C-alpha atoms as a PDB file:
ATOM      1  CA  MET A   1     -35.571  32.847  70.985  1.00  0.00           C
ATOM      2  CA  LYS A   2     -37.252  34.765  73.795  1.00  0.00           C
ATOM      3  CA  LEU A   3     -35.317  37.373  75.741  1.00  0.00           C
ATOM      4  CA  GLU A   4     -36.402  37.826  79.346  1.00  0.00           C
ATOM      5  CA  LYS A   5     -36.928  41.302  80.788  1.00  0.00           C
ATOM      6  CA  GLY A   6     -33.718  42.876  82.013  1.00  0.00           C
ATOM      7  CA  PHE A   7     -30.388  44.370  81.096  1.00  0.00           C
ATOM      8  CA  VAL A   8     -27.812  43.320  78.532  1.00  0.00           C
ATOM      9  CA  PRO A   9     -24.373  44.662  79.436  1.00  0.00           C
ATOM     10  CA  ALA A  10     -22.100  45.502  76.532  1.00  0.00           C
ATOM     11  CA  LEU A  11     -19.089  43.786  78.066  1.00  0.00           C
ATOM     12  CA  GLY A  12     -15.702  45.427  78.024  1.00  0.00           C
ATOM     13  CA  THR A  13     -12.728  43.503  76.675  1.00  0.00           C
ATOM     14  CA  PRO A  14      -9.512  43.534  78.740  1.00  0.00           C
ATOM     15  CA  LEU A  15      -6.278  43.537  76.738  1.00  0.00           C
ATOM     16  CA  ASP A  16      -2.634  43.644  77.785  1.00  0.00           C
ATOM     17  CA  GLU A  17      -0.146  46.261  76.584  1.00  0.00           C
ATOM     18  CA  ASN A  18       0.417  44.269  73.387  1.00  0.00           C
ATOM     19  CA  GLY A  19      -3.257  43.895  72.570  1.00  0.00           C
ATOM     20  CA  TYR A  20      -3.710  40.312  73.713  1.00  0.00           C
ATOM     21  CA  PHE A  21      -6.796  39.073  75.551  1.00  0.00           C
ATOM     22  CA  ILE A  22      -6.710  38.778  79.363  1.00  0.00           C
ATOM     23  CA  GLU A  23      -9.050  35.851  79.867  1.00  0.00           C
ATOM     24  CA  ASP A  24      -9.242  35.664  83.678  1.00  0.00           C
ATOM     25  CA  SER A  25     -10.243  39.325  83.958  1.00  0.00           C
ATOM     26  CA  PHE A  26     -12.904  38.912  81.287  1.00  0.00           C
ATOM     27  CA  ARG A  27     -14.372  35.762  82.827  1.00  0.00           C
ATOM     28  CA  LYS A  28     -14.634  37.532  86.197  1.00  0.00           C
ATOM     29  CA  GLN A  29     -16.599  40.331  84.545  1.00  0.00           C
ATOM     30  CA  VAL A  30     -18.974  37.845  82.885  1.00  0.00           C
ATOM     31  CA  GLU A  31     -19.616  36.070  86.168  1.00  0.00           C
ATOM     32  CA  ASP A  32     -20.207  39.314  88.045  1.00  0.00           C
ATOM     33  CA  GLN A  33     -22.689  40.514  85.430  1.00  0.00           C
ATOM     34  CA  ILE A  34     -24.633  37.263  85.597  1.00  0.00           C
ATOM     35  CA  ASN A  35     -24.678  37.519  89.387  1.00  0.00           C
ATOM     36  CA  ALA A  36     -25.942  41.103  89.083  1.00  0.00           C
ATOM     37  CA  GLY A  37     -28.947  39.815  87.132  1.00  0.00           C
ATOM     38  CA  ALA A  38     -28.078  40.305  83.450  1.00  0.00           C
ATOM     39  CA  CYS A  39     -30.593  38.653  81.128  1.00  0.00           C
ATOM     40  CA  ALA A  40     -28.071  38.339  78.260  1.00  0.00           C
ATOM     41  CA  LEU A  41     -24.540  39.437  77.373  1.00  0.00           C
ATOM     42  CA  LEU A  42     -23.129  41.352  74.429  1.00  0.00           C
ATOM     43  CA  CYS A  43     -19.545  40.282  73.797  1.00  0.00           C
ATOM     44  CA  MET A  44     -17.366  42.522  71.610  1.00  0.00           C
ATOM     45  CA  GLY A  45     -19.813  45.325  71.019  1.00  0.00           C
ATOM     46  CA  SER A  46     -18.708  48.959  70.852  1.00  0.00           C
ATOM     47  CA  MET A  47     -17.589  49.134  74.478  1.00  0.00           C
ATOM     48  CA  GLY A  48     -15.990  45.732  73.973  1.00  0.00           C
ATOM     49  CA  GLN A  49     -13.520  47.220  71.478  1.00  0.00           C
ATOM     50  CA  GLN A  50     -14.681  45.023  68.595  1.00  0.00           C
ATOM     51  CA  PRO A  51     -13.263  47.331  65.887  1.00  0.00           C
ATOM     52  CA  TYR A  52      -9.886  47.487  67.648  1.00  0.00           C
ATOM     53  CA  ILE A  53      -9.201  43.881  68.664  1.00  0.00           C
ATOM     54  CA  ARG A  54      -6.630  41.716  66.935  1.00  0.00           C
ATOM     55  CA  GLN A  55      -8.487  39.448  64.516  1.00  0.00           C
ATOM     56  CA  GLY A  56      -6.957  36.324  66.048  1.00  0.00           C
ATOM     57  CA  GLU A  57      -8.150  37.264  69.538  1.00  0.00           C
ATOM     58  CA  CYS A  58     -11.854  37.543  68.651  1.00  0.00           C
ATOM     59  CA  PRO A  59     -12.645  33.790  68.683  1.00  0.00           C
ATOM     60  CA  LYS A  60     -10.841  33.423  72.026  1.00  0.00           C
ATOM     61  CA  ILE A  61     -12.964  36.179  73.542  1.00  0.00           C
ATOM     62  CA  ALA A  62     -16.233  34.772  72.210  1.00  0.00           C
ATOM     63  CA  LYS A  63     -15.293  31.269  73.372  1.00  0.00           C
ATOM     64  CA  ALA A  64     -14.505  32.485  76.900  1.00  0.00           C
ATOM     65  CA  CYS A  65     -17.844  34.319  77.061  1.00  0.00           C
ATOM     66  CA  VAL A  66     -19.845  31.294  75.910  1.00  0.00           C
ATOM     67  CA  GLU A  67     -17.993  28.969  78.284  1.00  0.00           C
ATOM     68  CA  GLN A  68     -18.354  31.244  81.296  1.00  0.00           C
ATOM     69  CA  ALA A  69     -22.039  31.920  80.659  1.00  0.00           C
ATOM     70  CA  ALA A  70     -22.487  28.137  80.373  1.00  0.00           C
ATOM     71  CA  GLY A  71     -25.982  28.396  78.954  1.00  0.00           C
ATOM     72  CA  ARG A  72     -27.347  30.388  81.895  1.00  0.00           C
ATOM     73  CA  ILE A  73     -28.213  33.395  79.731  1.00  0.00           C
ATOM     74  CA  PRO A  74     -27.940  34.148  75.993  1.00  0.00           C
ATOM     75  CA  VAL A  75     -24.643  35.355  74.544  1.00  0.00           C
ATOM     76  CA  PHE A  76     -24.631  37.801  71.638  1.00  0.00           C
ATOM     77  CA  VAL A  77     -21.331  38.369  69.816  1.00  0.00           C
ATOM     78  CA  GLY A  78     -20.315  41.374  67.752  1.00  0.00           C
ATOM     79  CA  ALA A  79     -19.044  40.642  64.232  1.00  0.00           C
ATOM     80  CA  MET A  80     -19.148  44.132  62.732  1.00  0.00           C
ATOM     81  CA  ASP A  81     -17.157  45.023  59.626  1.00  0.00           C
ATOM     82  CA  CYS A  82     -17.309  47.088  56.456  1.00  0.00           C
ATOM     83  CA  SER A  83     -18.095  44.462  53.824  1.00  0.00           C
ATOM     84  CA  ILE A  84     -20.049  41.237  53.515  1.00  0.00           C
ATOM     85  CA  GLU A  85     -16.930  39.154  53.000  1.00  0.00           C
ATOM     86  CA  ARG A  86     -15.037  40.654  55.953  1.00  0.00           C
ATOM     87  CA  ALA A  87     -18.029  40.144  58.254  1.00  0.00           C
ATOM     88  CA  LYS A  88     -18.383  36.575  56.968  1.00  0.00           C
ATOM     89  CA  GLU A  89     -14.727  35.922  57.827  1.00  0.00           C
ATOM     90  CA  ARG A  90     -15.321  37.150  61.374  1.00  0.00           C
ATOM     91  CA  ILE A  91     -18.380  34.951  61.763  1.00  0.00           C
ATOM     92  CA  ALA A  92     -16.699  31.916  60.218  1.00  0.00           C
ATOM     93  CA  ALA A  93     -13.975  32.066  62.868  1.00  0.00           C
ATOM     94  CA  MET A  94     -16.669  31.774  65.572  1.00  0.00           C
ATOM     95  CA  GLU A  95     -19.307  29.696  63.753  1.00  0.00           C
ATOM     96  CA  ASP A  96     -18.656  26.564  65.808  1.00  0.00           C
ATOM     97  CA  LEU A  97     -19.372  28.333  69.107  1.00  0.00           C
ATOM     98  CA  ALA A  98     -22.768  28.132  70.837  1.00  0.00           C
ATOM     99  CA  VAL A  99     -23.554  31.827  70.429  1.00  0.00           C
ATOM    100  CA  ASP A 100     -27.194  32.860  70.450  1.00  0.00           C
ATOM    101  CA  ALA A 101     -26.806  35.581  67.836  1.00  0.00           C
ATOM    102  CA  PHE A 102     -24.207  37.577  65.957  1.00  0.00           C
ATOM    103  CA  VAL A 103     -24.644  41.335  66.227  1.00  0.00           C
ATOM    104  CA  LEU A 104     -23.843  43.597  63.275  1.00  0.00           C
ATOM    105  CA  THR A 105     -23.864  47.322  62.682  1.00  0.00           C
ATOM    106  CA  THR A 106     -24.179  48.710  59.193  1.00  0.00           C
ATOM    107  CA  PRO A 107     -20.805  49.128  57.403  1.00  0.00           C
ATOM    108  CA  TYR A 108     -19.098  52.097  59.026  1.00  0.00           C
ATOM    109  CA  TYR A 109     -16.421  53.494  56.718  1.00  0.00           C
ATOM    110  CA  TYR A 110     -18.838  55.239  54.349  1.00  0.00           C
ATOM    111  CA  SER A 111     -22.532  55.924  54.745  1.00  0.00           C
ATOM    112  CA  SER A 112     -24.775  53.411  52.977  1.00  0.00           C
ATOM    113  CA  SER A 113     -28.021  53.612  51.022  1.00  0.00           C
ATOM    114  CA  ARG A 114     -31.153  51.718  51.997  1.00  0.00           C
ATOM    115  CA  ASP A 115     -30.536  48.988  49.418  1.00  0.00           C
ATOM    116  CA  GLN A 116     -26.886  48.684  50.427  1.00  0.00           C
ATOM    117  CA  VAL A 117     -27.824  48.168  54.082  1.00  0.00           C
ATOM    118  CA  ILE A 118     -30.351  45.456  53.232  1.00  0.00           C
ATOM    119  CA  ASN A 119     -27.940  43.751  50.823  1.00  0.00           C
ATOM    120  CA  PHE A 120     -25.257  43.759  53.525  1.00  0.00           C
ATOM    121  CA  TYR A 121     -27.421  42.098  56.155  1.00  0.00           C
ATOM    122  CA  LYS A 122     -28.900  39.585  53.731  1.00  0.00           C
ATOM    123  CA  GLY A 123     -25.437  38.600  52.507  1.00  0.00           C
ATOM    124  CA  VAL A 124     -23.979  38.158  55.976  1.00  0.00           C
ATOM    125  CA  ALA A 125     -27.015  36.439  57.481  1.00  0.00           C
ATOM    126  CA  ALA A 126     -27.065  33.827  54.717  1.00  0.00           C
ATOM    127  CA  SER A 127     -23.540  32.726  55.672  1.00  0.00           C
ATOM    128  CA  THR A 128     -24.346  31.558  59.223  1.00  0.00           C
ATOM    129  CA  LYS A 129     -26.497  28.971  60.955  1.00  0.00           C
ATOM    130  CA  HIS A 130     -26.839  31.383  63.882  1.00  0.00           C
ATOM    131  CA  ASN A 131     -29.338  34.152  64.474  1.00  0.00           C
ATOM    132  CA  ILE A 132     -28.421  37.781  63.870  1.00  0.00           C
ATOM    133  CA  LEU A 133     -29.319  41.046  65.574  1.00  0.00           C
ATOM    134  CA  LEU A 134     -29.247  44.449  63.908  1.00  0.00           C
ATOM    135  CA  TYR A 135     -27.162  47.058  65.738  1.00  0.00           C
ATOM    136  CA  ASP A 136     -28.439  50.564  64.996  1.00  0.00           C
ATOM    137  CA  LEU A 137     -25.558  52.933  65.796  1.00  0.00           C
ATOM    138  CA  ALA A 138     -25.832  55.785  63.316  1.00  0.00           C
ATOM    139  CA  VAL A 139     -23.697  58.151  65.393  1.00  0.00           C
ATOM    140  CA  VAL A 140     -20.724  55.893  64.584  1.00  0.00           C
ATOM    141  CA  THR A 141     -21.628  54.208  61.296  1.00  0.00           C
ATOM    142  CA  GLN A 142     -23.127  57.264  59.542  1.00  0.00           C
ATOM    143  CA  THR A 143     -26.115  55.158  58.470  1.00  0.00           C
ATOM    144  CA  LYS A 144     -29.445  54.919  60.284  1.00  0.00           C
ATOM    145  CA  ILE A 145     -31.383  51.653  60.288  1.00  0.00           C
ATOM    146  CA  THR A 146     -34.950  52.782  59.669  1.00  0.00           C
ATOM    147  CA  TYR A 147     -38.343  51.304  60.450  1.00  0.00           C
ATOM    148  CA  ASP A 148     -39.040  50.413  56.818  1.00  0.00           C
ATOM    149  CA  MET A 149     -35.651  48.678  56.510  1.00  0.00           C
ATOM    150  CA  VAL A 150     -36.439  46.556  59.565  1.00  0.00           C
ATOM    151  CA  LEU A 151     -39.838  45.545  58.184  1.00  0.00           C
ATOM    152  CA  GLN A 152     -38.331  44.460  54.874  1.00  0.00           C
ATOM    153  CA  MET A 153     -35.500  42.533  56.544  1.00  0.00           C
ATOM    154  CA  ILE A 154     -37.906  40.727  58.886  1.00  0.00           C
ATOM    155  CA  LYS A 155     -39.620  39.388  55.752  1.00  0.00           C
ATOM    156  CA  GLU A 156     -36.432  38.546  53.838  1.00  0.00           C
ATOM    157  CA  ILE A 157     -33.956  37.327  56.482  1.00  0.00           C
ATOM    158  CA  PRO A 158     -35.212  34.173  58.253  1.00  0.00           C
ATOM    159  CA  ASN A 159     -32.569  34.258  61.010  1.00  0.00           C
ATOM    160  CA  LEU A 160     -33.082  37.919  61.927  1.00  0.00           C
ATOM    161  CA  ILE A 161     -34.401  37.938  65.497  1.00  0.00           C
ATOM    162  CA  GLY A 162     -34.115  41.522  66.701  1.00  0.00           C
ATOM    163  CA  ILE A 163     -32.536  44.958  66.842  1.00  0.00           C
ATOM    164  CA  LYS A 164     -30.637  47.126  69.290  1.00  0.00           C
ATOM    165  CA  SER A 165     -31.416  50.832  68.900  1.00  0.00           C
ATOM    166  CA  ALA A 166     -31.982  54.084  70.767  1.00  0.00           C
ATOM    167  CA  ASP A 167     -34.845  54.972  68.417  1.00  0.00           C
ATOM    168  CA  LEU A 168     -37.877  54.836  70.696  1.00  0.00           C
ATOM    169  CA  GLN A 169     -40.224  56.038  67.953  1.00  0.00           C
ATOM    170  CA  MET A 170     -39.194  53.105  65.746  1.00  0.00           C
ATOM    171  CA  PHE A 171     -39.674  50.690  68.639  1.00  0.00           C
ATOM    172  CA  ARG A 172     -43.167  52.045  69.244  1.00  0.00           C
ATOM    173  CA  LYS A 173     -44.090  51.474  65.605  1.00  0.00           C
ATOM    174  CA  LEU A 174     -42.618  47.969  65.644  1.00  0.00           C
ATOM    175  CA  LYS A 175     -44.514  47.144  68.845  1.00  0.00           C
ATOM    176  CA  LEU A 176     -47.795  48.295  67.351  1.00  0.00           C
ATOM    177  CA  ASN A 177     -47.359  46.569  63.990  1.00  0.00           C
ATOM    178  CA  PRO A 178     -49.178  43.193  63.984  1.00  0.00           C
ATOM    179  CA  GLU A 179     -46.904  41.984  61.157  1.00  0.00           C
ATOM    180  CA  VAL A 180     -43.878  42.078  63.472  1.00  0.00           C
ATOM    181  CA  PRO A 181     -43.426  38.766  65.335  1.00  0.00           C
ATOM    182  CA  GLU A 182     -44.258  38.994  69.035  1.00  0.00           C
ATOM    183  CA  ASP A 183     -40.881  37.539  69.941  1.00  0.00           C
ATOM    184  CA  PHE A 184     -38.897  40.015  67.811  1.00  0.00           C
ATOM    185  CA  ILE A 185     -36.252  41.334  70.217  1.00  0.00           C
ATOM    186  CA  MET A 186     -36.050  45.096  70.766  1.00  0.00           C
ATOM    187  CA  VAL A 187     -33.180  46.141  73.019  1.00  0.00           C
ATOM    188  CA  TYR A 188     -33.169  49.836  73.895  1.00  0.00           C
ATOM    189  CA  SER A 189     -29.858  51.684  74.041  1.00  0.00           C
ATOM    190  CA  GLY A 190     -31.164  55.128  74.965  1.00  0.00           C
ATOM    191  CA  LEU A 191     -29.664  54.945  78.428  1.00  0.00           C
ATOM    192  CA  ASP A 192     -30.803  58.377  79.621  1.00  0.00           C
ATOM    193  CA  THR A 193     -34.489  57.603  79.094  1.00  0.00           C
ATOM    194  CA  PHE A 194     -34.638  53.891  79.751  1.00  0.00           C
ATOM    195  CA  ASP A 195     -36.829  54.120  82.865  1.00  0.00           C
ATOM    196  CA  ILE A 196     -39.433  55.983  80.786  1.00  0.00           C
ATOM    197  CA  ALA A 197     -39.196  53.457  77.947  1.00  0.00           C
ATOM    198  CA  TYR A 198     -39.632  50.588  80.427  1.00  0.00           C
ATOM    199  CA  LYS A 199     -43.005  51.936  81.495  1.00  0.00           C
ATOM    200  CA  TRP A 200     -44.167  51.619  77.902  1.00  0.00           C
ATOM    201  CA  GLY A 201     -43.114  48.028  77.400  1.00  0.00           C
ATOM    202  CA  ILE A 202     -39.492  48.377  76.246  1.00  0.00           C
ATOM    203  CA  THR A 203     -38.096  46.078  78.910  1.00  0.00           C
ATOM    204  CA  ASN A 204     -34.531  45.406  77.738  1.00  0.00           C
ATOM    205  CA  CYS A 205     -31.640  47.856  77.928  1.00  0.00           C
ATOM    206  CA  LEU A 206     -28.147  47.515  76.443  1.00  0.00           C
ATOM    207  CA  ASP A 207     -25.241  49.845  77.152  1.00  0.00           C
ATOM    208  CA  GLY A 208     -21.532  49.709  77.864  1.00  0.00           C
ATOM    209  CA  MET A 209     -21.959  51.628  81.102  1.00  0.00           C
ATOM    210  CA  LEU A 210     -23.810  48.664  82.583  1.00  0.00           C
ATOM    211  CA  SER A 211     -20.558  46.681  82.575  1.00  0.00           C
ATOM    212  CA  CYS A 212     -18.952  49.028  85.103  1.00  0.00           C
ATOM    213  CA  THR A 213     -22.032  49.743  87.232  1.00  0.00           C
ATOM    214  CA  PRO A 214     -23.309  46.282  88.240  1.00  0.00           C
ATOM    215  CA  LYS A 215     -24.691  47.409  91.609  1.00  0.00           C
ATOM    216  CA  ASN A 216     -26.701  50.315  90.277  1.00  0.00           C
ATOM    217  CA  THR A 217     -27.834  48.330  87.240  1.00  0.00           C
ATOM    218  CA  GLY A 218     -29.052  45.422  89.340  1.00  0.00           C
ATOM    219  CA  ASP A 219     -30.857  47.801  91.698  1.00  0.00           C
ATOM    220  CA  LEU A 220     -32.342  49.694  88.736  1.00  0.00           C
ATOM    221  CA  PHE A 221     -34.010  46.632  87.275  1.00  0.00           C
ATOM    222  CA  ASN A 222     -35.126  45.296  90.633  1.00  0.00           C
ATOM    223  CA  ALA A 223     -36.759  48.642  91.348  1.00  0.00           C
ATOM    224  CA  MET A 224     -38.548  48.742  87.990  1.00  0.00           C
ATOM    225  CA  ALA A 225     -39.776  45.179  88.456  1.00  0.00           C
ATOM    226  CA  ASP A 226     -41.234  46.289  91.804  1.00  0.00           C
ATOM    227  CA  GLY A 227     -42.808  49.394  90.268  1.00  0.00           C
ATOM    228  CA  ASP A 228     -40.558  51.693  92.316  1.00  0.00           C
ATOM    229  CA  TYR A 229     -39.746  54.236  89.632  1.00  0.00           C
ATOM    230  CA  VAL A 230     -38.374  56.770  92.108  1.00  0.00           C
ATOM    231  CA  LYS A 231     -35.644  54.339  93.119  1.00  0.00           C
ATOM    232  CA  ALA A 232     -35.174  53.320  89.487  1.00  0.00           C
ATOM    233  CA  ALA A 233     -34.675  56.952  88.439  1.00  0.00           C
ATOM    234  CA  GLU A 234     -32.093  57.400  91.198  1.00  0.00           C
ATOM    235  CA  CYS A 235     -30.090  54.374  90.022  1.00  0.00           C
ATOM    236  CA  LEU A 236     -30.275  55.416  86.388  1.00  0.00           C
ATOM    237  CA  SER A 237     -29.165  58.935  87.275  1.00  0.00           C
ATOM    238  CA  ASN A 238     -26.149  57.420  89.030  1.00  0.00           C
ATOM    239  CA  ILE A 239     -25.148  55.492  85.905  1.00  0.00           C
ATOM    240  CA  VAL A 240     -25.593  58.541  83.686  1.00  0.00           C
ATOM    241  CA  TYR A 241     -23.609  60.651  86.153  1.00  0.00           C
ATOM    242  CA  LEU A 242     -20.652  58.269  85.942  1.00  0.00           C
ATOM    243  CA  ARG A 243     -20.856  58.232  82.137  1.00  0.00           C
ATOM    244  CA  ASP A 244     -20.740  62.010  82.087  1.00  0.00           C
ATOM    245  CA  GLU A 245     -17.675  61.910  84.333  1.00  0.00           C
ATOM    246  CA  PHE A 246     -16.045  59.538  81.843  1.00  0.00           C
ATOM    247  CA  VAL A 247     -16.704  61.958  79.004  1.00  0.00           C
ATOM    248  CA  LYS A 248     -15.435  64.887  81.036  1.00  0.00           C
ATOM    249  CA  ASN A 249     -12.186  63.126  81.964  1.00  0.00           C
ATOM    250  CA  ASP A 250     -11.600  61.191  78.640  1.00  0.00           C
ATOM    251  CA  LEU A 251     -13.929  58.291  77.873  1.00  0.00           C
ATOM    252  CA  TRP A 252     -11.788  55.233  77.131  1.00  0.00           C
ATOM    253  CA  PRO A 253      -9.068  55.771  79.774  1.00  0.00           C
ATOM    254  CA  SER A 254     -11.824  56.538  82.294  1.00  0.00           C
ATOM    255  CA  PHE A 255     -13.542  53.258  81.465  1.00  0.00           C
ATOM    256  CA  THR A 256     -10.222  51.464  81.970  1.00  0.00           C
ATOM    257  CA  GLU A 257      -9.793  53.178  85.327  1.00  0.00           C
ATOM    258  CA  SER A 258     -13.297  52.216  86.429  1.00  0.00           C
ATOM    259  CA  MET A 259     -12.806  48.555  85.491  1.00  0.00           C
ATOM    260  CA  ASN A 260      -9.445  48.454  87.233  1.00  0.00           C
ATOM    261  CA  GLU A 261     -11.066  49.963  90.341  1.00  0.00           C
ATOM    262  CA  LEU A 262     -13.609  47.138  90.257  1.00  0.00           C
ATOM    263  CA  GLY A 263     -10.781  44.604  90.233  1.00  0.00           C
ATOM    264  CA  TYR A 264     -10.672  43.771  86.517  1.00  0.00           C
ATOM    265  CA  ALA A 265      -7.103  43.886  85.217  1.00  0.00           C
ATOM    266  CA  GLY A 266      -6.228  45.125  81.755  1.00  0.00           C
ATOM    267  CA  ILE A 267      -6.571  47.948  79.284  1.00  0.00           C
ATOM    268  CA  TRP A 268     -10.204  48.476  78.317  1.00  0.00           C
ATOM    269  CA  GLY A 269      -9.806  50.913  75.431  1.00  0.00           C
ATOM    270  CA  PRO A 270      -8.045  51.338  72.064  1.00  0.00           C
ATOM    271  CA  ASP A 271      -4.253  51.204  72.038  1.00  0.00           C
ATOM    272  CA  TYR A 272      -3.925  54.755  70.699  1.00  0.00           C
ATOM    273  CA  CYS A 273      -5.506  56.314  73.811  1.00  0.00           C
ATOM    274  CA  SER A 274      -3.374  58.424  76.119  1.00  0.00           C
ATOM    275  CA  ALA A 275      -3.214  57.857  79.845  1.00  0.00           C
ATOM    276  CA  LEU A 276      -5.533  59.867  82.058  1.00  0.00           C
ATOM    277  CA  LYS A 277      -4.257  63.301  82.993  1.00  0.00           C
ATOM    278  CA  PRO A 278      -3.123  63.863  86.602  1.00  0.00           C
ATOM    279  CA  GLY A 279      -6.054  63.892  88.992  1.00  0.00           C
ATOM    280  CA  CYS A 280      -8.520  62.297  86.570  1.00  0.00           C
ATOM    281  CA  ALA A 281      -8.131  58.809  88.030  1.00  0.00           C
ATOM    282  CA  ASP A 282      -9.018  60.218  91.446  1.00  0.00           C
ATOM    283  CA  ASN A 283     -12.082  61.874  89.904  1.00  0.00           C
ATOM    284  CA  ILE A 284     -13.308  58.554  88.496  1.00  0.00           C
ATOM    285  CA  ALA A 285     -12.723  56.705  91.762  1.00  0.00           C
ATOM    286  CA  ALA A 286     -14.552  59.452  93.668  1.00  0.00           C
ATOM    287  CA  ALA A 287     -17.490  59.289  91.252  1.00  0.00           C
ATOM    288  CA  MET A 288     -17.728  55.522  91.614  1.00  0.00           C
ATOM    289  CA  LYS A 289     -17.721  55.823  95.399  1.00  0.00           C
ATOM    290  CA  LYS A 290     -20.391  58.526  95.212  1.00  0.00           C
ATOM    291  CA  ILE A 291     -22.779  56.211  93.353  1.00  0.00           C
ATOM    292  CA  GLY A 292     -21.969  53.186  95.511  1.00  0.00           C
ATOM    293  CA  GLU A 293     -20.017  51.059  93.034  1.00  0.00           C
ATOM    294  CA  LEU A 294     -16.922  51.108  95.268  1.00  0.00           C
END
């Protein structure tokens, strides 16, 4: 498949106090992201709480995403887990849905060797009729997907269509390698430097912050398409500023507060998170107003 230039929001997943999916809130988010200009959607990635969601809720979430997108843009669905068989179970529960690709990190309980990583992806990919995307997230999984791993897996996994990574050096090498298919998808997750990467041909960005900054994200990509990198830098700085406010005030509860401020009901973080401390909710609302999201 070909991915158009643009942004891929890592959608949040709204849950109630008992951990059950809030479908109306999620569908509203999907629609708003499409209206903001998203070129694809990542459902149940890291920001979408994939490791924390009740197993029985995952197919409901993926189904709602596919239905709401209605073929307008591709839908990628996270199916991460720590063994081939567990990942296969996740995929099997969603195999009948019209997803465009399943997205998988490396196993994340222990670090893995090169051969273990390749064996994992080959084993999972062989179980599905759908495409798969590699999800390079070493800061969480303890295992880096390297350039040489990608080259070997391109040769050995027929339904491998791309990778999401913040490794710009690896992307450069992949772009310059004539053995890599021209349509191999490279989605950059180095949010802080995306406007620089865009100038050098890395034209897709994926991040959870895009799900709570639709105005700035839409303006960012419109500006880059017009060659207005001053405006693009301003929009990107706004998104990074809000992210830093999240980190300062407690990431997951801050994300929940931001989504609630945008009109999306639900809890948007793991169930073990504490509520925001007094005054922090006001800080998040003020930051969102400052960057024009409210």
